[in-house]
PDB file of N, CA and C in Angstrom:
ATOM      1  N   MET A   1      21.200   5.694 -21.307  1.00  0.00           N
ATOM      2  CA  MET A   1      22.310   4.962 -22.230  1.00  0.00           C
ATOM      3  C   MET A   1      21.983   3.410 -22.002  1.00  0.00           C
ATOM      4  N   GLU A   2      22.155   3.198 -20.555  1.00  0.00           N
ATOM      5  CA  GLU A   2      22.069   1.916 -20.290  1.00  0.00           C
ATOM      6  C   GLU A   2      20.749   1.104 -20.647  1.00  0.00           C
ATOM      7  N   THR A   3      19.835   2.032 -20.142  1.00  0.00           N
ATOM      8  CA  THR A   3      18.248   1.555 -20.736  1.00  0.00           C
ATOM      9  C   THR A   3      18.249   1.050 -22.124  1.00  0.00           C
ATOM     10  N   ILE A   4      18.912   2.117 -22.955  1.00  0.00           N
ATOM     11  CA  ILE A   4      18.848   1.749 -24.463  1.00  0.00           C
ATOM     12  C   ILE A   4      19.790   0.276 -24.790  1.00  0.00           C
ATOM     13  N   LEU A   5      20.622   0.278 -23.885  1.00  0.00           N
ATOM     14  CA  LEU A   5      21.658  -0.860 -24.416  1.00  0.00           C
ATOM     15  C   LEU A   5      20.593  -2.203 -24.055  1.00  0.00           C
ATOM     16  N   ILE A   6      19.712  -2.328 -22.858  1.00  0.00           N
ATOM     17  CA  ILE A   6      19.362  -3.013 -22.109  1.00  0.00           C
ATOM     18  C   ILE A   6      17.686  -3.525 -23.236  1.00  0.00           C
ATOM     19  N   SER A   7      17.365  -2.751 -23.564  1.00  0.00           N
ATOM     20  CA  SER A   7      15.984  -2.786 -24.389  1.00  0.00           C
ATOM     21  C   SER A   7      16.522  -3.086 -25.761  1.00  0.00           C
ATOM     22  N   SER A   8      17.461  -2.925 -26.614  1.00  0.00           N
ATOM     23  CA  SER A   8      18.100  -3.145 -27.572  1.00  0.00           C
ATOM     24  C   SER A   8      18.408  -4.728 -27.661  1.00  0.00           C
ATOM     25  N   PHE A   9      19.170  -5.099 -26.296  1.00  0.00           N
ATOM     26  CA  PHE A   9      19.623  -6.426 -25.934  1.00  0.00           C
ATOM     27  C   PHE A   9      17.989  -6.952 -26.139  1.00  0.00           C
ATOM     28  N   ILE A  10      17.040  -7.022 -25.062  1.00  0.00           N
ATOM     29  CA  ILE A  10      15.798  -7.553 -25.063  1.00  0.00           C
ATOM     30  C   ILE A  10      15.125  -7.680 -26.580  1.00  0.00           C
ATOM     31  N   GLY A  11      15.075  -6.622 -26.909  1.00  0.00           N
ATOM     32  CA  GLY A  11      14.285  -6.248 -28.343  1.00  0.00           C
ATOM     33  C   GLY A  11      14.881  -7.450 -29.425  1.00  0.00           C
ATOM     34  N   GLY A  12      16.311  -7.845 -29.332  1.00  0.00           N
ATOM     35  CA  GLY A  12      16.994  -8.704 -30.148  1.00  0.00           C
ATOM     36  C   GLY A  12      16.707 -10.302 -29.780  1.00  0.00           C
ATOM     37  N   LEU A  13      16.099 -10.818 -29.156  1.00  0.00           N
ATOM     38  CA  LEU A  13      15.853 -11.992 -28.491  1.00  0.00           C
ATOM     39  C   LEU A  13      14.810 -12.481 -28.979  1.00  0.00           C
ATOM     40  N   ARG A  14      14.850 -13.705 -29.577  1.00  0.00           N
ATOM     41  CA  ARG A  14      13.714 -14.698 -30.039  1.00  0.00           C
ATOM     42  C   ARG A  14      13.090 -15.541 -29.237  1.00  0.00           C
ATOM     43  N   GLY A  15      12.215 -16.348 -29.509  1.00  0.00           N
ATOM     44  CA  GLY A  15      11.535 -17.081 -28.420  1.00  0.00           C
ATOM     45  C   GLY A  15      12.168 -18.130 -27.840  1.00  0.00           C
ATOM     46  N   TRP A  16      12.947 -18.604 -28.710  1.00  0.00           N
ATOM     47  CA  TRP A  16      13.916 -19.839 -28.286  1.00  0.00           C
ATOM     48  C   TRP A  16      15.132 -19.504 -27.513  1.00  0.00           C
ATOM     49  N   GLU A  17      15.607 -17.999 -27.720  1.00  0.00           N
ATOM     50  CA  GLU A  17      16.438 -17.653 -26.850  1.00  0.00           C
ATOM     51  C   GLU A  17      16.245 -17.242 -25.456  1.00  0.00           C
ATOM     52  N   PHE A  18      14.622 -16.705 -25.073  1.00  0.00           N
ATOM     53  CA  PHE A  18      14.007 -16.741 -24.116  1.00  0.00           C
ATOM     54  C   PHE A  18      14.183 -18.211 -23.337  1.00  0.00           C
ATOM     55  N   ILE A  19      13.878 -19.045 -23.928  1.00  0.00           N
ATOM     56  CA  ILE A  19      13.899 -20.586 -23.392  1.00  0.00           C
ATOM     57  C   ILE A  19      14.961 -20.924 -22.892  1.00  0.00           C
ATOM     58  N   VAL A  20      16.255 -20.912 -23.666  1.00  0.00           N
ATOM     59  CA  VAL A  20      17.487 -21.234 -23.340  1.00  0.00           C
ATOM     60  C   VAL A  20      18.126 -20.177 -21.976  1.00  0.00           C
ATOM     61  N   ILE A  21      17.489 -19.087 -21.793  1.00  0.00           N
ATOM     62  CA  ILE A  21      17.884 -18.251 -21.045  1.00  0.00           C
ATOM     63  C   ILE A  21      17.274 -18.672 -19.675  1.00  0.00           C
ATOM     64  N   ALA A  22      15.908 -18.957 -19.693  1.00  0.00           N
ATOM     65  CA  ALA A  22      15.318 -19.549 -18.467  1.00  0.00           C
ATOM     66  C   ALA A  22      15.691 -21.000 -17.983  1.00  0.00           C
ATOM     67  N   LEU A  23      16.159 -21.742 -19.440  1.00  0.00           N
ATOM     68  CA  LEU A  23      16.641 -22.568 -18.664  1.00  0.00           C
ATOM     69  C   LEU A  23      18.016 -22.956 -17.693  1.00  0.00           C
ATOM     70  N   VAL A  24      18.884 -21.808 -18.008  1.00  0.00           N
ATOM     71  CA  VAL A  24      19.913 -21.584 -17.498  1.00  0.00           C
ATOM     72  C   VAL A  24      19.844 -20.885 -16.213  1.00  0.00           C
ATOM     73  N   VAL A  25      18.927 -19.930 -16.169  1.00  0.00           N
ATOM     74  CA  VAL A  25      18.316 -19.533 -14.595  1.00  0.00           C
ATOM     75  C   VAL A  25      17.843 -20.439 -13.817  1.00  0.00           C
ATOM     76  N   LEU A  26      16.858 -21.360 -14.517  1.00  0.00           N
ATOM     77  CA  LEU A  26      16.312 -22.624 -13.766  1.00  0.00           C
ATOM     78  C   LEU A  26      17.613 -23.379 -13.052  1.00  0.00           C
ATOM     79  N   LEU A  27      18.604 -23.614 -13.939  1.00  0.00           N
ATOM     80  CA  LEU A  27      19.646 -24.722 -13.406  1.00  0.00           C
ATOM     81  C   LEU A  27      20.423 -23.657 -12.520  1.00  0.00           C
ATOM     82  N   LEU A  28      20.853 -22.438 -12.467  1.00  0.00           N
ATOM     83  CA  LEU A  28      21.818 -21.759 -11.423  1.00  0.00           C
ATOM     84  C   LEU A  28      21.031 -21.425 -10.159  1.00  0.00           C
ATOM     85  N   PHE A  29      19.630 -21.339 -10.387  1.00  0.00           N
ATOM     86  CA  PHE A  29      19.042 -20.910  -9.051  1.00  0.00           C
ATOM     87  C   PHE A  29      18.287 -22.061  -8.091  1.00  0.00           C
ATOM     88  N   GLY A  30      17.605 -23.075  -9.334  1.00  0.00           N
ATOM     89  CA  GLY A  30      16.707 -24.157  -8.999  1.00  0.00           C
ATOM     90  C   GLY A  30      15.254 -23.782  -8.675  1.00  0.00           C
ATOM     91  N   ALA A  31      14.337 -24.405  -8.861  1.00  0.00           N
ATOM     92  CA  ALA A  31      12.972 -23.977  -9.187  1.00  0.00           C
ATOM     93  C   ALA A  31      12.355 -23.603  -7.689  1.00  0.00           C
ATOM     94  N   LYS A  32      12.864 -23.989  -6.672  1.00  0.00           N
ATOM     95  CA  LYS A  32      12.381 -23.400  -5.096  1.00  0.00           C
ATOM     96  C   LYS A  32      12.917 -22.211  -5.085  1.00  0.00           C
ATOM     97  N   ARG A  33      13.824 -21.754  -5.338  1.00  0.00           N
ATOM     98  CA  ARG A  33      14.362 -20.305  -5.300  1.00  0.00           C
ATOM     99  C   ARG A  33      13.783 -19.202  -6.163  1.00  0.00           C
ATOM    100  N   ILE A  34      13.300 -19.787  -7.357  1.00  0.00           N
ATOM    101  CA  ILE A  34      13.061 -18.696  -8.271  1.00  0.00           C
ATOM    102  C   ILE A  34      11.610 -17.632  -7.779  1.00  0.00           C
ATOM    103  N   PRO A  35      10.636 -18.375  -7.478  1.00  0.00           N
ATOM    104  CA  PRO A  35       9.551 -17.848  -6.776  1.00  0.00           C
ATOM    105  C   PRO A  35       9.637 -16.842  -5.749  1.00  0.00           C
ATOM    106  N   SER A  36      10.784 -17.297  -4.756  1.00  0.00           N
ATOM    107  CA  SER A  36      11.032 -16.120  -3.836  1.00  0.00           C
ATOM    108  C   SER A  36      11.833 -14.967  -4.437  1.00  0.00           C
ATOM    109  N   MET A  37      12.604 -15.373  -5.404  1.00  0.00           N
ATOM    110  CA  MET A  37      13.307 -14.068  -5.801  1.00  0.00           C
ATOM    111  C   MET A  37      12.343 -13.230  -6.505  1.00  0.00           C
ATOM    112  N   MET A  38      11.673 -13.722  -7.145  1.00  0.00           N
ATOM    113  CA  MET A  38      10.294 -12.876  -8.043  1.00  0.00           C
ATOM    114  C   MET A  38       9.537 -12.252  -6.806  1.00  0.00           C
ATOM    115  N   ARG A  39       9.140 -12.821  -5.962  1.00  0.00           N
ATOM    116  CA  ARG A  39       8.550 -11.863  -4.710  1.00  0.00           C
ATOM    117  C   ARG A  39       9.331 -11.127  -4.260  1.00  0.00           C
ATOM    118  N   ASN A  40      10.826 -11.101  -4.215  1.00  0.00           N
ATOM    119  CA  ASN A  40      11.022 -10.155  -3.453  1.00  0.00           C
ATOM    120  C   ASN A  40      11.734  -8.882  -4.830  1.00  0.00           C
ATOM    121  N   ILE A  41      12.084  -9.046  -5.702  1.00  0.00           N
ATOM    122  CA  ILE A  41      12.079  -8.170  -6.874  1.00  0.00           C
ATOM    123  C   ILE A  41      10.486  -7.566  -6.983  1.00  0.00           C
ATOM    124  N   GLY A  42       9.707  -7.949  -6.760  1.00  0.00           N
ATOM    125  CA  GLY A  42       8.440  -7.307  -6.980  1.00  0.00           C
ATOM    126  C   GLY A  42       8.329  -6.227  -5.835  1.00  0.00           C
ATOM    127  N   LYS A  43       8.798  -6.937  -4.647  1.00  0.00           N
ATOM    128  CA  LYS A  43       8.566  -6.032  -3.205  1.00  0.00           C
ATOM    129  C   LYS A  43       9.183  -4.953  -3.325  1.00  0.00           C
ATOM    130  N   GLY A  44      10.742  -5.196  -4.038  1.00  0.00           N
ATOM    131  CA  GLY A  44      11.734  -4.104  -4.009  1.00  0.00           C
ATOM    132  C   GLY A  44      11.374  -3.059  -5.221  1.00  0.00           C
ATOM    133  N   ILE A  45      10.557  -3.672  -6.248  1.00  0.00           N
ATOM    134  CA  ILE A  45       9.938  -2.528  -7.281  1.00  0.00           C
ATOM    135  C   ILE A  45       8.689  -1.625  -6.599  1.00  0.00           C
ATOM    136  N   HIS A  46       7.967  -2.427  -5.847  1.00  0.00           N
ATOM    137  CA  HIS A  46       6.561  -1.752  -5.004  1.00  0.00           C
ATOM    138  C   HIS A  46       7.460  -0.823  -4.034  1.00  0.00           C
ATOM    139  N   SER A  47       8.571  -0.766  -3.244  1.00  0.00           N
ATOM    140  CA  SER A  47       8.889  -0.304  -2.215  1.00  0.00           C
ATOM    141  C   SER A  47       9.681   1.289  -3.025  1.00  0.00           C
ATOM    142  N   PHE A  48      10.058   1.078  -4.108  1.00  0.00           N
ATOM    143  CA  PHE A  48      10.686   2.154  -5.139  1.00  0.00           C
ATOM    144  C   PHE A  48       9.629   3.312  -5.430  1.00  0.00           C
ATOM    145  N   LYS A  49       8.868   2.553  -6.195  1.00  0.00           N
ATOM    146  CA  LYS A  49       7.437   3.371  -6.295  1.00  0.00           C
ATOM    147  C   LYS A  49       6.519   4.007  -5.228  1.00  0.00           C
ATOM    148  N   GLN A  50       6.778   3.430  -4.320  1.00  0.00           N
ATOM    149  CA  GLN A  50       6.393   4.228  -3.002  1.00  0.00           C
ATOM    150  C   GLN A  50       7.095   5.291  -2.701  1.00  0.00           C
ATOM    151  N   GLY A  51       8.523   4.809  -2.473  1.00  0.00           N
ATOM    152  CA  GLY A  51       9.463   6.105  -2.156  1.00  0.00           C
ATOM    153  C   GLY A  51       9.442   7.198  -2.924  1.00  0.00           C
ATOM    154  N   ILE A  52       9.107   6.908  -4.575  1.00  0.00           N
ATOM    155  CA  ILE A  52       8.900   8.109  -5.416  1.00  0.00           C
ATOM    156  C   ILE A  52       7.512   8.963  -5.131  1.00  0.00           C
ATOM    157  N   GLU A  53       6.420   8.449  -4.823  1.00  0.00           N
ATOM    158  CA  GLU A  53       5.240   8.908  -4.596  1.00  0.00           C
ATOM    159  C   GLU A  53       5.537   9.367  -3.234  1.00  0.00           C
ATOM    160  N   ASP A  54       6.047   8.926  -2.136  1.00  0.00           N
ATOM    161  CA  ASP A  54       6.369  10.167  -0.765  1.00  0.00           C
ATOM    162  C   ASP A  54       6.918  11.030  -1.283  1.00  0.00           C
ATOM    163  N   ALA A  55       8.166  10.799  -1.915  1.00  0.00           N
ATOM    164  CA  ALA A  55       8.891  12.230  -2.201  1.00  0.00           C
ATOM    165  C   ALA A  55       8.229  13.239  -3.133  1.00  0.00           C
ATOM    166  N   LYS A  56       7.388  12.699  -3.959  1.00  0.00           N
ATOM    167  CA  LYS A  56       6.409  13.850  -4.843  1.00  0.00           C
ATOM    168  C   LYS A  56       5.362  14.539  -3.694  1.00  0.00           C
ATOM    169  N   GLU A  57       4.841  13.709  -2.691  1.00  0.00           N
ATOM    170  CA  GLU A  57       4.276  14.157  -1.954  1.00  0.00           C
ATOM    171  C   GLU A  57       4.397  15.053  -1.083  1.00  0.00           C
ATOM    172  N   GLU A  58       5.867  14.871  -0.478  1.00  0.00           N
ATOM    173  CA  GLU A  58       6.425  15.801   0.476  1.00  0.00           C
ATOM    174  C   GLU A  58       6.827  17.192  -0.481  1.00  0.00           C
ATOM    175  N   ILE A  59       7.244  16.926  -1.887  1.00  0.00           N
ATOM    176  CA  ILE A  59       7.856  18.086  -2.494  1.00  0.00           C
ATOM    177  C   ILE A  59       6.077  18.846  -2.884  1.00  0.00           C
ATOM    178  N   ASN A  60       5.057  18.627  -2.856  1.00  0.00           N
ATOM    179  CA  ASN A  60       4.163  18.868  -3.211  1.00  0.00           C
ATOM    180  C   ASN A  60       3.792  19.800  -1.747  1.00  0.00           C
ATOM    181  N   ARG A  61       3.917  19.480  -0.770  1.00  0.00           N
ATOM    182  CA  ARG A  61       3.739  19.978   0.681  1.00  0.00           C
ATOM    183  C   ARG A  61       4.557  21.136   0.513  1.00  0.00           C
ATOM    184  N   GLU A  62       5.710  20.771   0.305  1.00  0.00           N
ATOM    185  CA  GLU A  62       6.872  22.351   0.701  1.00  0.00           C
ATOM    186  C   GLU A  62       6.192  23.072  -0.278  1.00  0.00           C
ATOM    187  N   VAL A  63       5.852  22.786  -1.465  1.00  0.00           N
ATOM    188  CA  VAL A  63       5.562  23.753  -2.697  1.00  0.00           C
ATOM    189  C   VAL A  63       4.192  24.745  -1.787  1.00  0.00           C
ATOM    190  N   GLN A  64       3.326  23.748  -1.040  1.00  0.00           N
ATOM    191  CA  GLN A  64       2.037  24.469  -0.667  1.00  0.00           C
ATOM    192  C   GLN A  64       2.499  25.592   0.347  1.00  0.00           C
ATOM    193  N   ARG A  65       3.147  25.024   1.004  1.00  0.00           N
ATOM    194  CA  ARG A  65       3.690  25.611   2.641  1.00  0.00           C
ATOM    195  C   ARG A  65       4.597  27.227   1.703  1.00  0.00           C
ATOM    196  N   ALA A  66       5.321  27.088   0.887  1.00  0.00           N
ATOM    197  CA  ALA A  66       5.760  28.004   0.138  1.00  0.00           C
ATOM    198  C   ALA A  66       4.996  29.380  -0.317  1.00  0.00           C
ATOM    199  N   ASP A  67       3.640  28.464  -0.627  1.00  0.00           N
ATOM    200  CA  ASP A  67       2.595  29.274  -1.474  1.00  0.00           C
ATOM    201  C   ASP A  67       1.798  29.932  -0.527  1.00  0.00           C
ATOM    202  N   LYS A  68       1.437  29.397   0.777  1.00  0.00           N
ATOM    203  CA  LYS A  68       0.540  29.829   1.998  1.00  0.00           C
ATOM    204  C   LYS A  68       1.637  30.980   2.506  1.00  0.00           C
ATOM    205  N   GLY A  69       2.524  30.925   2.617  1.00  0.00           N
ATOM    206  CA  GLY A  69       3.962  31.900   3.355  1.00  0.00           C
ATOM    207  C   GLY A  69       3.779  32.919   2.527  1.00  0.00           C
ATOM    208  N   SER A  70       4.105  32.978   1.232  1.00  0.00           N
ATOM    209  CA  SER A  70       4.062  34.002   0.181  1.00  0.00           C
ATOM    210  C   SER A  70       2.822  34.804   0.012  1.00  0.00           C
ATOM    211  N   ALA A  71       1.700  33.956   0.244  1.00  0.00           N
ATOM    212  CA  ALA A  71       0.319  34.633   0.477  1.00  0.00           C
ATOM    213  C   ALA A  71      -0.087  35.319   1.864  1.00  0.00           C
ATOM    214  N   SER A  72       1.051  34.884   2.984  1.00  0.00           N
ATOM    215  CA  SER A  72       0.393  35.786   4.361  1.00  0.00           C
ATOM    216  C   SER A  72       1.338  36.765   4.253  1.00  0.00           C
ATOM    217  N   GLU A  73       2.720  36.619   3.313  1.00  0.00           N
ATOM    218  CA  GLU A  73       3.519  38.189   3.171  1.00  0.00           C
ATOM    219  C   GLU A  73       2.498  38.890   2.366  1.00  0.00           C
ATOM    220  N   LYS A  74       1.858  38.611   1.391  1.00  0.00           N
ATOM    221  CA  LYS A  74       1.306  39.810   0.869  1.00  0.00           C
ATOM    222  C   LYS A  74       0.050  40.136   1.386  1.00  0.00           C
ATOM    223  N   ALA A  75      -0.665  39.640   2.275  1.00  0.00           N
ATOM    224  CA  ALA A  75      -1.773  40.150   2.645  1.00  0.00           C
ATOM    225  C   ALA A  75      -1.685  41.602   3.553  1.00  0.00           C
ATOM    226  N   PRO A  76      -0.436  41.585   4.392  1.00  0.00           N
ATOM    227  CA  PRO A  76      -0.274  42.795   5.092  1.00  0.00           C
ATOM    228  C   PRO A  76      -0.047  44.140   4.491  1.00  0.00           C
ATOM    229  N   ALA A  77       0.617  43.751   3.208  1.00  0.00           N
ATOM    230  CA  ALA A  77       1.119  45.222   2.132  1.00  0.00           C
ATOM    231  C   ALA A  77      -0.458  45.347   1.622  1.00  0.00           C
ATOM    232  N   GLU A  78      -0.868  44.268   1.526  1.00  0.00           N
ATOM    233  CA  GLU A  78      -2.724  44.666   0.868  1.00  0.00           C
ATOM    234  C   GLU A  78      -3.558  45.321   1.775  1.00  0.00           C
ATOM    235  N   LYS A  79      -3.410  45.081   3.056  1.00  0.00           N
ATOM    236  CA  LYS A  79      -4.015  45.651   4.159  1.00  0.00           C
ATOM    237  C   LYS A  79      -3.450  47.386   4.060  1.00  0.00           C
ATOM    238  N   ILE A  80      -2.410  47.250   3.993  1.00  0.00           N
ATOM    239  CA  ILE A  80      -1.719  48.922   3.946  1.00  0.00           C
ATOM    240  C   ILE A  80      -2.380  49.550   2.754  1.00  0.00           C
ATOM    241  N   GLU A  81      -2.542  48.938   1.757  1.00  0.00           N
ATOM    242  CA  GLU A  81      -2.851  49.570   0.629  1.00  0.00           C
ATOM    243  C   GLU A  81      -4.361  49.996   0.619  1.00  0.00           C
ATOM    244  N   GLU A  82      -4.950  49.323   1.328  1.00  0.00           N
ATOM    245  CA  GLU A  82      -6.432  49.479   1.331  1.00  0.00           C
ATOM    246  C   GLU A  82      -6.724  50.655   2.489  1.00  0.00           C
ATOM    247  N   ALA A  83      -5.768  50.554   3.388  1.00  0.00           N
ATOM    248  CA  ALA A  83      -6.018  51.512   4.612  1.00  0.00           C
ATOM    249  C   ALA A  83      -5.528  52.865   3.787  1.00  0.00           C
ATOM    250  N   ARG A  84      -4.653  52.957   3.262  1.00  0.00           N
ATOM    251  CA  ARG A  84      -4.806  54.534   2.267  1.00  0.00           C
ATOM    252  C   ARG A  84      -5.543  55.023   1.475  1.00  0.00           C
TER     253      ARG A  84
END
């Protein structure tokens, strides 16, 4: 819901409105702090994406371990069937 509101807000802005917003941000934070703020935002986004990738890898490892565990459980049963 929130992303819909944000995208509809940004989609409704025209060129001059972006300029006004940029000027207000420049006045509030100053020209020296804006690059460091953008750098920190970029680091935060990178860290977030890395966390998502790490979580995916961990989930995949657990799924593979579960698959290996179930395969090893099936192996003795198959050996019994072969022995008969």
